[in-house]
Amino acid sequence: MVDSKVTTGSEVLDWLLEGGYEKEVITTIYGPAGSGKTNICLLCANAFTDKKVIYVDTEGSFSISRFRQITDEFKKSLKNIIFLKPTTFEEQKKSFDKLRKLITSDIGVIIVDSIAMLYRLEIGQTKDIYGINRQLGMQLSFLTEIARKNNIPILITNQVYSDFEQKDKVNIVGGDLLKYQSKCLIELKKTKEGYRKAIIRKHRSIEENKEITFKITNRGIEEVKEENAEEKNEGNSI
């Protein structure tokens, strides 16, 4: 039987997702700035030692220095990565168009960090919001098609914003477009103790609200046991 999942590059996330990212679908990881989205992308990019990785970096977040910390064989890993670096929403569209030529049997995963950065900028500069939303929907549908036809996972990150009326409510940029096209949604949160939480909000076979607490380390991410988080919290309250 062909494996239906691929490793995330992290034992913690592999446990959360019961084996890793699902092939043939889009997994969206969303959360505020500094919650660990890009770190998770870097871990995924490093996990594919025998396959190529297409990495669409819309924010200029990919750090060679950080990547070097994660893996001792960063030069070898870098050779497996095909970078696309759009700086406008139109360039993002063109980058996705290029995927048709780049997709081969050697591609193991496509990473988009982030899907909504340039979309958000474009929304702020145009009155044609319907047209921009339509284009984002087409890009997501295209990624879904690639995932299915090539039996690979698509990992994308997304930004969030707060509701003016419900400040505790977290909204995904792109809204229902992202929720519909993503078969797996993982929310990242910062905790008061300085750690992060990864919470499953949508999945085809894993219960919602399953979560893990983790911290970002030089080598990637590391699980934080609940008692450790509580101990730190007690220490901060003294």
Protein backbone atom coordinates (compact mmCIF):
# COMPACT_ATOMS: atom_id res chain seq x y z
CA MET A 1 0.00 0.00 0.00
CA VAL A 2 1.33 3.43 -0.94
CA ASP A 3 1.93 5.69 2.07
CA SER A 4 -0.73 8.39 2.32
CA LYS A 5 1.35 10.69 4.51
CA VAL A 6 4.82 12.21 4.58
CA THR A 7 6.83 13.30 7.60
CA THR A 8 6.63 16.90 8.76
CA GLY A 9 10.30 16.84 9.65
CA SER A 10 9.34 17.02 13.33
CA GLU A 11 8.49 14.15 15.70
CA VAL A 12 6.13 16.49 17.58
CA LEU A 13 4.11 17.40 14.51
CA ASP A 14 4.21 13.84 13.20
CA TRP A 15 2.53 12.77 16.43
CA LEU A 16 -0.07 15.53 16.18
CA LEU A 17 -0.91 14.55 12.59
CA GLU A 18 -0.62 10.82 13.23
CA GLY A 19 2.14 10.27 10.73
CA GLY A 20 2.57 13.60 8.95
CA TYR A 21 1.07 15.71 6.18
CA GLU A 22 -1.51 14.02 3.99
CA LYS A 23 -0.73 13.65 0.32
CA GLU A 24 -3.17 14.95 -2.33
CA VAL A 25 -4.48 17.76 -0.12
CA ILE A 26 -3.69 21.27 1.10
CA THR A 27 -2.63 21.68 4.72
CA THR A 28 -2.89 25.26 5.98
CA ILE A 29 -1.02 26.43 9.06
CA TYR A 30 -2.16 29.82 10.33
CA GLY A 31 -1.34 32.05 13.25
CA PRO A 32 0.06 35.43 14.31
CA ALA A 33 3.55 36.67 13.52
CA GLY A 34 6.22 34.80 15.47
CA SER A 35 4.06 31.76 16.17
CA GLY A 36 6.36 29.38 14.28
CA LYS A 37 4.85 29.11 10.79
CA THR A 38 8.09 29.59 8.85
CA ASN A 39 10.02 27.31 11.21
CA ILE A 40 7.54 24.55 10.42
CA CYS A 41 8.03 25.19 6.70
CA LEU A 42 11.81 24.94 7.07
CA LEU A 43 11.49 21.61 8.90
CA CYS A 44 9.31 20.29 6.09
CA ALA A 45 11.73 21.50 3.41
CA ASN A 46 14.59 19.72 5.15
CA ALA A 47 12.64 16.44 5.47
CA PHE A 48 12.71 15.62 1.75
CA THR A 49 16.22 14.28 1.24
CA ASP A 50 15.36 12.14 -1.79
CA LYS A 51 12.86 14.50 -3.42
CA LYS A 52 12.78 18.08 -4.68
CA VAL A 53 10.93 20.81 -2.81
CA ILE A 54 9.22 23.77 -4.44
CA TYR A 55 9.30 26.66 -1.97
CA VAL A 56 7.21 29.76 -2.78
CA ASP A 57 8.48 32.49 -0.46
CA THR A 58 6.22 35.54 -0.68
CA GLU A 59 7.48 37.23 2.50
CA GLY A 60 11.23 36.78 2.15
CA SER A 61 11.08 34.74 5.36
CA PHE A 62 13.38 31.90 4.32
CA SER A 63 16.58 32.32 6.34
CA ILE A 64 19.77 30.51 5.35
CA SER A 65 21.14 31.07 8.85
CA ARG A 66 18.07 29.52 10.45
CA PHE A 67 18.06 26.64 7.96
CA ARG A 68 21.71 25.96 8.81
CA GLN A 69 20.77 25.60 12.48
CA ILE A 70 18.10 23.02 11.69
CA THR A 71 20.26 20.67 9.61
CA ASP A 72 23.93 19.76 9.52
CA GLU A 73 23.61 19.02 5.81
CA PHE A 74 22.03 22.32 4.85
CA LYS A 75 24.04 22.66 1.63
CA LYS A 76 22.76 19.30 0.40
CA SER A 77 19.22 20.17 1.47
CA LEU A 78 19.37 23.56 -0.27
CA LYS A 79 20.24 21.88 -3.56
CA ASN A 80 16.90 20.05 -3.39
CA ILE A 81 14.89 23.27 -3.04
CA ILE A 82 13.48 25.19 -6.01
CA PHE A 83 12.72 28.74 -4.90
CA LEU A 84 10.04 31.04 -6.30
CA LYS A 85 10.02 34.54 -4.79
CA PRO A 86 7.09 36.64 -6.02
CA THR A 87 6.87 40.21 -4.70
CA THR A 88 3.40 41.14 -6.01
CA PHE A 89 0.09 39.29 -6.26
CA GLU A 90 0.46 39.26 -10.05
CA GLU A 91 3.90 37.68 -9.71
CA GLN A 92 2.40 35.12 -7.35
CA LYS A 93 -0.08 34.20 -10.07
CA LYS A 94 2.78 33.82 -12.56
CA SER A 95 4.73 31.70 -10.06
CA PHE A 96 1.81 29.31 -9.79
CA ASP A 97 1.59 29.19 -13.58
CA LYS A 98 5.26 28.07 -13.60
CA LEU A 99 4.39 25.10 -11.43
CA ARG A 100 3.03 23.23 -14.46
CA LYS A 101 6.53 23.14 -15.95
CA LEU A 102 8.28 22.48 -12.63
CA ILE A 103 6.16 19.54 -11.51
CA THR A 104 7.87 16.21 -12.15
CA SER A 105 7.98 12.86 -10.38
CA ASP A 106 10.97 14.23 -8.41
CA ILE A 107 8.84 16.79 -6.54
CA GLY A 108 7.99 15.73 -2.99
CA VAL A 109 6.15 18.76 -1.64
CA ILE A 110 5.12 22.32 -2.47
CA ILE A 111 5.42 24.91 0.30
CA VAL A 112 3.85 28.38 0.10
CA ASP A 113 4.89 30.81 2.85
CA SER A 114 2.55 32.62 2.87
CA ILE A 115 -0.48 32.34 0.60
CA ALA A 116 -2.14 35.61 1.67
CA MET A 117 0.68 38.12 2.18
CA LEU A 118 0.61 39.55 -1.35
CA TYR A 119 -3.15 38.99 -1.62
CA ARG A 120 -3.61 41.18 1.45
CA LEU A 121 -1.46 43.93 -0.02
CA GLU A 122 -3.38 43.79 -3.31
CA ILE A 123 -6.73 44.04 -1.51
CA GLY A 124 -5.54 47.27 0.09
CA GLN A 125 -4.64 48.79 -3.30
CA THR A 126 -7.64 47.93 -5.46
CA LYS A 127 -11.39 48.35 -5.64
CA ASP A 128 -11.80 45.08 -7.50
CA ILE A 129 -12.04 42.92 -4.39
CA TYR A 130 -14.23 40.39 -6.19
CA GLY A 131 -11.60 39.95 -8.90
CA ILE A 132 -8.78 39.48 -6.38
CA ASN A 133 -10.80 36.95 -4.39
CA ARG A 134 -11.60 35.10 -7.60
CA GLN A 135 -7.91 34.96 -8.48
CA LEU A 136 -6.99 33.64 -5.02
CA GLY A 137 -9.68 31.00 -5.38
CA MET A 138 -8.25 29.96 -8.74
CA GLN A 139 -4.74 29.71 -7.26
CA LEU A 140 -6.00 27.48 -4.45
CA SER A 141 -7.96 25.30 -6.87
CA PHE A 142 -4.84 24.96 -8.99
CA LEU A 143 -2.81 23.84 -5.97
CA THR A 144 -5.49 21.30 -5.09
CA GLU A 145 -5.38 19.95 -8.64
CA ILE A 146 -1.59 19.61 -8.49
CA ALA A 147 -1.77 17.81 -5.15
CA ARG A 148 -4.30 15.29 -6.41
CA LYS A 149 -2.75 14.59 -9.78
CA ASN A 150 0.78 14.22 -8.43
CA ASN A 151 0.03 12.55 -5.10
CA ILE A 152 1.96 15.13 -3.10
CA PRO A 153 1.18 17.31 -0.08
CA ILE A 154 0.79 21.06 -0.34
CA LEU A 155 1.78 23.02 2.76
CA ILE A 156 0.78 26.66 2.99
CA THR A 157 0.91 29.23 5.76
CA ASN A 158 -1.53 32.03 6.33
CA GLN A 159 -1.90 35.17 8.36
CA VAL A 160 -4.67 36.05 10.79
CA TYR A 161 -6.48 39.18 11.91
CA SER A 162 -8.73 40.10 14.82
CA ASP A 163 -12.39 41.03 14.58
CA PHE A 164 -13.09 44.61 15.73
CA GLU A 165 -16.30 43.51 17.42
CA GLN A 166 -15.05 40.14 18.69
CA LYS A 167 -11.42 40.76 19.59
CA ASP A 168 -10.93 37.23 20.92
CA LYS A 169 -12.00 35.73 17.60
CA VAL A 170 -9.20 34.79 15.18
CA ASN A 171 -9.95 35.14 11.48
CA ILE A 172 -7.96 33.64 8.62
CA VAL A 173 -7.00 36.01 5.81
CA GLY A 174 -8.93 34.80 2.76
CA GLY A 175 -11.68 33.39 4.95
CA ASP A 176 -13.89 30.66 3.49
CA LEU A 177 -11.68 30.30 0.40
CA LEU A 178 -8.88 28.88 2.55
CA LYS A 179 -11.17 26.90 4.84
CA TYR A 180 -12.89 25.20 1.92
CA GLN A 181 -9.79 24.31 -0.08
CA SER A 182 -7.76 23.12 2.92
CA LYS A 183 -8.48 19.59 4.10
CA CYS A 184 -6.29 20.19 7.15
CA LEU A 185 -6.25 23.39 9.20
CA ILE A 186 -3.76 23.88 12.02
CA GLU A 187 -3.92 26.97 14.21
CA LEU A 188 -0.79 28.21 15.97
CA LYS A 189 -1.08 30.24 19.14
CA LYS A 190 1.38 31.93 21.46
CA THR A 191 0.95 31.09 25.14
CA LYS A 192 1.44 33.37 28.11
CA GLU A 193 4.40 31.21 29.13
CA GLY A 194 6.24 32.04 25.92
CA TYR A 195 5.55 28.69 24.26
CA ARG A 196 3.39 27.88 21.22
CA LYS A 197 0.40 25.65 20.71
CA ALA A 198 -0.52 23.80 17.51
CA ILE A 199 -4.22 22.93 17.40
CA ILE A 200 -6.01 20.89 14.74
CA ARG A 201 -9.08 22.81 13.63
CA LYS A 202 -9.99 20.62 10.66
CA HIS A 203 -8.89 17.18 9.46
CA ARG A 204 -10.40 14.30 7.54
CA SER A 205 -9.51 11.63 10.11
CA ILE A 206 -8.20 13.30 13.28
CA GLU A 207 -10.42 14.78 15.96
CA GLU A 208 -10.68 18.55 16.11
CA ASN A 209 -8.93 20.45 18.91
CA LYS A 210 -6.18 17.85 19.31
CA GLU A 211 -3.17 19.93 20.29
CA ILE A 212 0.44 20.02 21.35
CA THR A 213 2.52 22.63 23.16
CA PHE A 214 5.98 23.30 21.77
CA LYS A 215 8.94 25.63 21.92
CA ILE A 216 11.22 26.77 19.13
CA THR A 217 14.81 25.62 19.56
CA ASN A 218 18.03 25.92 17.56
CA ARG A 219 17.34 22.52 15.99
CA GLY A 220 13.67 23.11 15.19
CA ILE A 221 10.78 22.63 17.57
CA GLU A 222 10.47 20.59 20.73
CA GLU A 223 7.42 19.42 22.66
CA VAL A 224 6.73 21.00 26.02
CA LYS A 225 5.03 18.73 28.51
CA GLU A 226 2.03 20.22 30.27
CA GLU A 227 3.66 20.03 33.70
CA ASN A 228 6.69 21.99 32.39
CA ALA A 229 4.44 24.74 31.06
CA GLU A 230 2.62 24.89 34.39
CA GLU A 231 5.90 25.05 36.31
CA LYS A 232 7.09 27.97 34.18
CA ASN A 233 3.77 29.72 34.68
CA GLU A 234 4.06 29.29 38.46
CA GLY A 235 7.60 30.63 38.32
CA ASN A 236 6.48 33.71 36.43
CA SER A 237 3.77 34.42 38.99
CA ILE A 238 6.18 34.58 41.92
